[in-house]
Amino acid sequence: MKREIKATDDGSKTLFINEMNEGYHSGHGALQEAEHVFIKNGLNLVDIYEINILELGFGTGLNVLVTINEFLKTDKNHIYHYFTLDKYPVLLTEVEQLDYPSLFSNKKITEINEKIHHSEWNTPVEIIPNFYLTKFECDFYQLENLEIPPIDLVYYDCFGARVQPDLWEKPLFKMVADKMKTNALLTTYASKGSVRRNLQELGFEVEKKAGPPGKREMINARKLPKL
C-alpha cells in the first residue's frame, strides 16, 4: 500500500494510506497524541525500576522516540526493555522525511532515531545505556509465539477499528493479556464501547480518560488478578 507524508496540526508529520483513508497518527497532532496517550497516560503511571513495554505496532517509531525522550529526563537508573511488532516496516526514506528529531530539544535524539531505525530486526539492541529495543517483523497474531518477558505496560496503537476491526476483538486482546503481568497497564487512544467490553470480559479494569486533542476520550485498562 502506498504511503504519503502529511503534516498534522501540531507541526509534526505522519504517514497516510490513501487506499485505506487512514493515518498512522491523529491529524490533530502526531507528537501530542503520542505524548498524551503513551507517556502521560501510560509510562508516567508505571513507577518501577525495570520496565518491560510491549507496543502494537512500531509504525513510524514515534512512540519509541517519545519513550526514550522521557527516559532521558529521569535521573533514576531505570532499565527499559521495549518490544515492538510491525509486519510492514516503514522505509528509511520515509523516516528521513518525517524528521521527528527536529521536534525534540535534546540533540541526542537525532543519533538515537537513526539507531532505532537502522537496528537489526528480531534481535535486542541497546539503543542507549539501559534502554533495550527489540523490533519484531511479524504479524500481531504471531505475538503468542514470541519469547518475551512478562509485560508491565502495553502501548496498543493498532490502526483503527474502521479499517482493521479484528485488531480490536477478543482474540488479539487475549494474546496481549496473556503476555502481561497482573496489575500491568494497557493504554490506547481508542474508546469504543465494544473495546471497553472486550477488555472487561478478559479481566481488565477499564478507565475512560480524557483523550488527546481532537478526541474526547481514550482508555486505560489494568489487568486484574485472577479470582
C-alpha atoms as a PDB file:
ATOM      1  CA  MET A   1       0.000   0.000   0.000  1.00  0.00           C
ATOM      2  CA  LYS A   2       1.288   3.424  -0.960  1.00  0.00           C
ATOM      3  CA  ARG A   3       2.008   5.835   1.892  1.00  0.00           C
ATOM      4  CA  GLU A   4       2.425   9.599   1.795  1.00  0.00           C
ATOM      5  CA  ILE A   5       3.779  12.123   4.275  1.00  0.00           C
ATOM      6  CA  LYS A   6       1.228  14.506   5.758  1.00  0.00           C
ATOM      7  CA  ALA A   7       1.606  17.358   8.226  1.00  0.00           C
ATOM      8  CA  THR A   8      -0.548  17.317  11.375  1.00  0.00           C
ATOM      9  CA  ASP A   9      -1.901  20.276  13.308  1.00  0.00           C
ATOM     10  CA  ASP A  10       0.893  20.410  15.905  1.00  0.00           C
ATOM     11  CA  GLY A  11       3.576  20.683  13.215  1.00  0.00           C
ATOM     12  CA  SER A  12       4.663  17.035  13.380  1.00  0.00           C
ATOM     13  CA  LYS A  13       4.251  14.738  10.386  1.00  0.00           C
ATOM     14  CA  THR A  14       2.654  11.351   9.911  1.00  0.00           C
ATOM     15  CA  LEU A  15       2.172   8.720   7.240  1.00  0.00           C
ATOM     16  CA  PHE A  16      -1.168   8.418   5.488  1.00  0.00           C
ATOM     17  CA  ILE A  17      -2.510   5.488   3.443  1.00  0.00           C
ATOM     18  CA  ASN A  18      -4.925   6.841   0.837  1.00  0.00           C
ATOM     19  CA  GLU A  19      -6.207   3.389  -0.075  1.00  0.00           C
ATOM     20  CA  MET A  20      -7.476   2.948   3.487  1.00  0.00           C
ATOM     21  CA  ASN A  21      -8.122   6.641   4.213  1.00  0.00           C
ATOM     22  CA  GLU A  22      -6.167   6.063   7.414  1.00  0.00           C
ATOM     23  CA  GLY A  23      -3.261   7.865   9.053  1.00  0.00           C
ATOM     24  CA  TYR A  24      -0.643   6.457  11.372  1.00  0.00           C
ATOM     25  CA  HIS A  25      -1.481   9.243  13.854  1.00  0.00           C
ATOM     26  CA  SER A  26      -4.181  11.777  14.589  1.00  0.00           C
ATOM     27  CA  GLY A  27      -4.375  14.649  12.133  1.00  0.00           C
ATOM     28  CA  HIS A  28      -4.721  16.918  15.170  1.00  0.00           C
ATOM     29  CA  GLY A  29      -1.092  16.213  16.104  1.00  0.00           C
ATOM     30  CA  ALA A  30       1.101  13.125  15.871  1.00  0.00           C
ATOM     31  CA  LEU A  31       3.539  14.164  18.596  1.00  0.00           C
ATOM     32  CA  GLN A  32       0.979  15.424  21.093  1.00  0.00           C
ATOM     33  CA  GLU A  33      -1.113  12.269  20.606  1.00  0.00           C
ATOM     34  CA  ALA A  34       1.901  10.013  21.317  1.00  0.00           C
ATOM     35  CA  GLU A  35       2.897  12.002  24.392  1.00  0.00           C
ATOM     36  CA  HIS A  36      -0.648  12.212  25.784  1.00  0.00           C
ATOM     37  CA  VAL A  37      -1.717   8.596  25.255  1.00  0.00           C
ATOM     38  CA  PHE A  38       1.510   6.669  25.797  1.00  0.00           C
ATOM     39  CA  ILE A  39       3.608   8.877  28.084  1.00  0.00           C
ATOM     40  CA  LYS A  40       1.214  10.937  30.233  1.00  0.00           C
ATOM     41  CA  ASN A  41      -1.389   8.152  30.480  1.00  0.00           C
ATOM     42  CA  GLY A  42       0.999   5.233  30.155  1.00  0.00           C
ATOM     43  CA  LEU A  43       4.682   5.373  31.028  1.00  0.00           C
ATOM     44  CA  ASN A  44       4.293   8.041  33.713  1.00  0.00           C
ATOM     45  CA  LEU A  45       1.806   5.834  35.572  1.00  0.00           C
ATOM     46  CA  VAL A  46       4.232   2.908  35.886  1.00  0.00           C
ATOM     47  CA  ASP A  47       6.791   3.548  38.606  1.00  0.00           C
ATOM     48  CA  ILE A  48       9.086   0.539  38.731  1.00  0.00           C
ATOM     49  CA  TYR A  49      12.846   0.146  38.396  1.00  0.00           C
ATOM     50  CA  GLU A  50      12.883  -2.283  35.458  1.00  0.00           C
ATOM     51  CA  ILE A  51      10.038  -2.000  32.977  1.00  0.00           C
ATOM     52  CA  ASN A  52       9.005  -4.206  30.065  1.00  0.00           C
ATOM     53  CA  ILE A  53       7.000  -2.401  27.384  1.00  0.00           C
ATOM     54  CA  LEU A  54       5.073  -4.013  24.519  1.00  0.00           C
ATOM     55  CA  GLU A  55       3.952  -1.914  21.548  1.00  0.00           C
ATOM     56  CA  LEU A  56       1.485  -2.848  18.797  1.00  0.00           C
ATOM     57  CA  GLY A  57       2.752  -1.597  16.376  1.00  0.00           C
ATOM     58  CA  PHE A  58       6.068   0.078  15.636  1.00  0.00           C
ATOM     59  CA  GLY A  59       4.913   2.211  12.691  1.00  0.00           C
ATOM     60  CA  THR A  60       6.984   5.382  12.335  1.00  0.00           C
ATOM     61  CA  GLY A  61       8.898   4.737  15.557  1.00  0.00           C
ATOM     62  CA  LEU A  62       7.468   7.847  17.211  1.00  0.00           C
ATOM     63  CA  ASN A  63       6.290   6.007  20.327  1.00  0.00           C
ATOM     64  CA  VAL A  64       9.769   4.574  20.876  1.00  0.00           C
ATOM     65  CA  LEU A  65      11.245   8.032  20.428  1.00  0.00           C
ATOM     66  CA  VAL A  66       8.934   9.776  22.930  1.00  0.00           C
ATOM     67  CA  THR A  67       9.602   6.943  25.402  1.00  0.00           C
ATOM     68  CA  ILE A  68      13.371   7.366  25.101  1.00  0.00           C
ATOM     69  CA  ASN A  69      12.990  11.132  25.374  1.00  0.00           C
ATOM     70  CA  GLU A  70      11.121  10.632  28.664  1.00  0.00           C
ATOM     71  CA  PHE A  71      13.714   8.074  29.783  1.00  0.00           C
ATOM     72  CA  LEU A  72      16.467  10.675  29.249  1.00  0.00           C
ATOM     73  CA  LYS A  73      14.666  13.135  31.541  1.00  0.00           C
ATOM     74  CA  THR A  74      14.803  10.882  34.571  1.00  0.00           C
ATOM     75  CA  ASP A  75      17.728  10.833  36.985  1.00  0.00           C
ATOM     76  CA  LYS A  76      16.788   7.328  38.136  1.00  0.00           C
ATOM     77  CA  ASN A  77      18.838   4.372  36.987  1.00  0.00           C
ATOM     78  CA  HIS A  78      15.926   2.604  35.314  1.00  0.00           C
ATOM     79  CA  ILE A  79      16.162  -0.249  32.823  1.00  0.00           C
ATOM     80  CA  TYR A  80      13.733  -0.393  29.915  1.00  0.00           C
ATOM     81  CA  HIS A  81      13.062  -3.385  27.664  1.00  0.00           C
ATOM     82  CA  TYR A  82      10.924  -2.267  24.726  1.00  0.00           C
ATOM     83  CA  PHE A  83       9.328  -4.853  22.414  1.00  0.00           C
ATOM     84  CA  THR A  84       7.505  -3.738  19.284  1.00  0.00           C
ATOM     85  CA  LEU A  85       5.804  -5.529  16.378  1.00  0.00           C
ATOM     86  CA  ASP A  86       5.254  -4.494  12.784  1.00  0.00           C
ATOM     87  CA  LYS A  87       4.572  -6.532   9.662  1.00  0.00           C
ATOM     88  CA  TYR A  88       5.222  -3.692   7.186  1.00  0.00           C
ATOM     89  CA  PRO A  89       8.181  -1.567   8.342  1.00  0.00           C
ATOM     90  CA  VAL A  90       8.426   1.995   7.089  1.00  0.00           C
ATOM     91  CA  LEU A  91      11.171   2.915   4.639  1.00  0.00           C
ATOM     92  CA  LEU A  92      14.298   4.774   5.741  1.00  0.00           C
ATOM     93  CA  THR A  93      13.463   7.461   3.174  1.00  0.00           C
ATOM     94  CA  GLU A  94      10.119   7.944   4.935  1.00  0.00           C
ATOM     95  CA  VAL A  95      11.879   8.198   8.304  1.00  0.00           C
ATOM     96  CA  GLU A  96      14.053  10.997   6.915  1.00  0.00           C
ATOM     97  CA  GLN A  97      11.050  12.882   5.556  1.00  0.00           C
ATOM     98  CA  LEU A  98       9.156  12.598   8.842  1.00  0.00           C
ATOM     99  CA  ASP A  99      12.117  14.332  10.528  1.00  0.00           C
ATOM    100  CA  TYR A 100      10.982  13.567  14.079  1.00  0.00           C
ATOM    101  CA  PRO A 101      14.278  14.592  15.759  1.00  0.00           C
ATOM    102  CA  SER A 102      13.523  18.227  14.864  1.00  0.00           C
ATOM    103  CA  LEU A 103      10.595  18.093  17.309  1.00  0.00           C
ATOM    104  CA  PHE A 104      12.828  17.478  20.334  1.00  0.00           C
ATOM    105  CA  SER A 105      15.174  19.845  22.169  1.00  0.00           C
ATOM    106  CA  ASN A 106      17.561  17.043  23.170  1.00  0.00           C
ATOM    107  CA  LYS A 107      20.245  16.914  20.469  1.00  0.00           C
ATOM    108  CA  LYS A 108      20.934  13.237  21.209  1.00  0.00           C
ATOM    109  CA  ILE A 109      17.589  12.345  19.647  1.00  0.00           C
ATOM    110  CA  THR A 110      18.916  12.571  16.073  1.00  0.00           C
ATOM    111  CA  GLU A 111      21.505   9.853  16.637  1.00  0.00           C
ATOM    112  CA  ILE A 112      19.037   7.814  18.691  1.00  0.00           C
ATOM    113  CA  ASN A 113      16.401   7.959  15.948  1.00  0.00           C
ATOM    114  CA  GLU A 114      18.918   6.712  13.397  1.00  0.00           C
ATOM    115  CA  LYS A 115      19.895   3.832  15.641  1.00  0.00           C
ATOM    116  CA  ILE A 116      16.246   2.898  16.236  1.00  0.00           C
ATOM    117  CA  HIS A 117      15.557   2.584  12.524  1.00  0.00           C
ATOM    118  CA  HIS A 118      18.882   1.083  11.449  1.00  0.00           C
ATOM    119  CA  SER A 119      18.959  -1.537  14.190  1.00  0.00           C
ATOM    120  CA  GLU A 120      18.512  -5.154  13.186  1.00  0.00           C
ATOM    121  CA  TRP A 121      15.057  -6.694  13.399  1.00  0.00           C
ATOM    122  CA  ASN A 122      14.209  -9.662  15.638  1.00  0.00           C
ATOM    123  CA  THR A 123      17.159  -9.146  17.971  1.00  0.00           C
ATOM    124  CA  PRO A 124      17.651  -6.986  21.111  1.00  0.00           C
ATOM    125  CA  VAL A 125      19.677  -3.810  20.611  1.00  0.00           C
ATOM    126  CA  GLU A 126      20.867  -1.451  23.361  1.00  0.00           C
ATOM    127  CA  ILE A 127      19.898   1.914  21.862  1.00  0.00           C
ATOM    128  CA  ILE A 128      21.359   3.888  24.773  1.00  0.00           C
ATOM    129  CA  PRO A 129      22.638   2.578  28.124  1.00  0.00           C
ATOM    130  CA  ASN A 130      19.840   0.659  29.905  1.00  0.00           C
ATOM    131  CA  PHE A 131      17.325   1.039  27.060  1.00  0.00           C
ATOM    132  CA  TYR A 132      16.933  -2.145  25.032  1.00  0.00           C
ATOM    133  CA  LEU A 133      14.809  -2.308  21.879  1.00  0.00           C
ATOM    134  CA  THR A 134      13.613  -5.455  20.124  1.00  0.00           C
ATOM    135  CA  LYS A 135      11.719  -4.931  16.862  1.00  0.00           C
ATOM    136  CA  PHE A 136       9.819  -7.990  15.638  1.00  0.00           C
ATOM    137  CA  GLU A 137       8.969  -8.018  11.943  1.00  0.00           C
ATOM    138  CA  CYS A 138       5.798 -10.056  12.160  1.00  0.00           C
ATOM    139  CA  ASP A 139       2.033 -10.094  12.214  1.00  0.00           C
ATOM    140  CA  PHE A 140       0.386  -9.146  15.508  1.00  0.00           C
ATOM    141  CA  TYR A 141      -1.169 -12.614  15.690  1.00  0.00           C
ATOM    142  CA  GLN A 142       2.316 -14.103  15.999  1.00  0.00           C
ATOM    143  CA  LEU A 143       2.609 -12.454  19.406  1.00  0.00           C
ATOM    144  CA  GLU A 144       1.667 -15.635  21.242  1.00  0.00           C
ATOM    145  CA  ASN A 145       4.749 -17.369  19.787  1.00  0.00           C
ATOM    146  CA  LEU A 146       7.238 -14.656  20.740  1.00  0.00           C
ATOM    147  CA  GLU A 147       9.543 -15.239  23.687  1.00  0.00           C
ATOM    148  CA  ILE A 148       9.322 -12.038  25.681  1.00  0.00           C
ATOM    149  CA  PRO A 149       9.313 -11.420  29.444  1.00  0.00           C
ATOM    150  CA  PRO A 150       6.078 -10.604  31.306  1.00  0.00           C
ATOM    151  CA  ILE A 151       4.944  -7.133  30.273  1.00  0.00           C
ATOM    152  CA  ASP A 152       4.341  -4.158  32.599  1.00  0.00           C
ATOM    153  CA  LEU A 153       2.971  -1.676  30.047  1.00  0.00           C
ATOM    154  CA  VAL A 154       1.256  -2.059  26.674  1.00  0.00           C
ATOM    155  CA  TYR A 155       1.045   0.657  24.034  1.00  0.00           C
ATOM    156  CA  TYR A 156      -1.947  -0.531  21.998  1.00  0.00           C
ATOM    157  CA  ASP A 157      -1.535   1.556  18.853  1.00  0.00           C
ATOM    158  CA  CYS A 158      -3.031  -0.507  16.029  1.00  0.00           C
ATOM    159  CA  PHE A 159      -4.849   1.016  13.072  1.00  0.00           C
ATOM    160  CA  GLY A 160      -8.419   1.975  13.908  1.00  0.00           C
ATOM    161  CA  ALA A 161     -11.342  -0.442  14.061  1.00  0.00           C
ATOM    162  CA  ARG A 162     -12.910   1.161  10.985  1.00  0.00           C
ATOM    163  CA  VAL A 163     -10.158  -0.289   8.766  1.00  0.00           C
ATOM    164  CA  GLN A 164      -8.937  -3.262  10.823  1.00  0.00           C
ATOM    165  CA  PRO A 165     -11.772  -4.317  13.162  1.00  0.00           C
ATOM    166  CA  ASP A 166     -10.198  -7.701  14.000  1.00  0.00           C
ATOM    167  CA  LEU A 167      -7.359  -5.936  15.848  1.00  0.00           C
ATOM    168  CA  TRP A 168      -9.881  -4.692  18.419  1.00  0.00           C
ATOM    169  CA  GLU A 169     -11.587  -8.009  19.126  1.00  0.00           C
ATOM    170  CA  LYS A 170     -11.056 -10.526  21.916  1.00  0.00           C
ATOM    171  CA  PRO A 171      -8.577 -12.923  20.229  1.00  0.00           C
ATOM    172  CA  LEU A 172      -5.779 -10.351  19.907  1.00  0.00           C
ATOM    173  CA  PHE A 173      -6.571  -8.713  23.254  1.00  0.00           C
ATOM    174  CA  LYS A 174      -6.381 -12.197  24.835  1.00  0.00           C
ATOM    175  CA  MET A 175      -2.904 -12.765  23.367  1.00  0.00           C
ATOM    176  CA  VAL A 176      -1.798  -9.401  24.740  1.00  0.00           C
ATOM    177  CA  ALA A 177      -3.343 -10.078  28.157  1.00  0.00           C
ATOM    178  CA  ASP A 178      -1.543 -13.429  28.363  1.00  0.00           C
ATOM    179  CA  LYS A 179       1.796 -11.606  27.982  1.00  0.00           C
ATOM    180  CA  MET A 180       1.027  -9.097  30.751  1.00  0.00           C
ATOM    181  CA  LYS A 181       1.796  -9.223  34.461  1.00  0.00           C
ATOM    182  CA  THR A 182      -1.010  -8.891  36.981  1.00  0.00           C
ATOM    183  CA  ASN A 183      -1.715  -5.153  37.512  1.00  0.00           C
ATOM    184  CA  ALA A 184       0.081  -4.283  34.250  1.00  0.00           C
ATOM    185  CA  LEU A 185      -1.341  -1.336  32.320  1.00  0.00           C
ATOM    186  CA  LEU A 186      -2.646  -1.181  28.742  1.00  0.00           C
ATOM    187  CA  THR A 187      -3.141   2.268  27.242  1.00  0.00           C
ATOM    188  CA  THR A 188      -4.745   3.110  23.907  1.00  0.00           C
ATOM    189  CA  TYR A 189      -6.222   6.049  22.009  1.00  0.00           C
ATOM    190  CA  ALA A 190      -9.420   4.035  21.419  1.00  0.00           C
ATOM    191  CA  SER A 191     -12.585   4.453  23.483  1.00  0.00           C
ATOM    192  CA  LYS A 192     -15.285   2.434  21.693  1.00  0.00           C
ATOM    193  CA  GLY A 193     -17.797   0.685  23.920  1.00  0.00           C
ATOM    194  CA  SER A 194     -17.062  -2.674  22.272  1.00  0.00           C
ATOM    195  CA  VAL A 195     -13.362  -2.301  23.063  1.00  0.00           C
ATOM    196  CA  ARG A 196     -14.110  -1.496  26.696  1.00  0.00           C
ATOM    197  CA  ARG A 197     -16.422  -4.508  26.979  1.00  0.00           C
ATOM    198  CA  ASN A 198     -13.892  -6.867  25.371  1.00  0.00           C
ATOM    199  CA  LEU A 199     -11.230  -5.785  27.843  1.00  0.00           C
ATOM    200  CA  GLN A 200     -13.564  -6.045  30.829  1.00  0.00           C
ATOM    201  CA  GLU A 201     -14.609  -9.553  29.809  1.00  0.00           C
ATOM    202  CA  LEU A 202     -10.917 -10.522  29.676  1.00  0.00           C
ATOM    203  CA  GLY A 203     -10.376  -9.417  33.276  1.00  0.00           C
ATOM    204  CA  PHE A 204      -9.304  -5.786  32.905  1.00  0.00           C
ATOM    205  CA  GLU A 205     -10.401  -2.840  34.975  1.00  0.00           C
ATOM    206  CA  VAL A 206     -11.156  -0.195  32.347  1.00  0.00           C
ATOM    207  CA  GLU A 207     -10.997   3.544  32.926  1.00  0.00           C
ATOM    208  CA  LYS A 208     -12.018   6.248  30.487  1.00  0.00           C
ATOM    209  CA  LYS A 209      -9.564   9.139  30.369  1.00  0.00           C
ATOM    210  CA  ALA A 210      -9.585  12.493  28.611  1.00  0.00           C
ATOM    211  CA  GLY A 211      -8.315  11.956  25.088  1.00  0.00           C
ATOM    212  CA  PRO A 212      -5.621  13.836  23.193  1.00  0.00           C
ATOM    213  CA  PRO A 213      -6.557  16.977  21.219  1.00  0.00           C
ATOM    214  CA  GLY A 214      -9.348  16.175  18.776  1.00  0.00           C
ATOM    215  CA  LYS A 215     -10.544  13.139  20.731  1.00  0.00           C
ATOM    216  CA  ARG A 216     -12.883  13.290  23.717  1.00  0.00           C
ATOM    217  CA  GLU A 217     -11.867  10.025  25.395  1.00  0.00           C
ATOM    218  CA  MET A 218      -9.252   7.277  25.484  1.00  0.00           C
ATOM    219  CA  ILE A 219      -8.824   4.112  27.558  1.00  0.00           C
ATOM    220  CA  ASN A 220      -6.566   2.851  30.320  1.00  0.00           C
ATOM    221  CA  ALA A 221      -7.017  -0.828  31.222  1.00  0.00           C
ATOM    222  CA  ARG A 222      -5.329  -2.556  34.129  1.00  0.00           C
ATOM    223  CA  LYS A 223      -5.085  -6.353  34.258  1.00  0.00           C
ATOM    224  CA  LEU A 224      -6.756  -7.553  37.437  1.00  0.00           C
ATOM    225  CA  PRO A 225      -5.623 -10.570  39.496  1.00  0.00           C
ATOM    226  CA  LYS A 226      -7.477 -13.758  38.617  1.00  0.00           C
ATOM    227  CA  LEU A 227     -10.190 -14.693  41.090  1.00  0.00           C
END
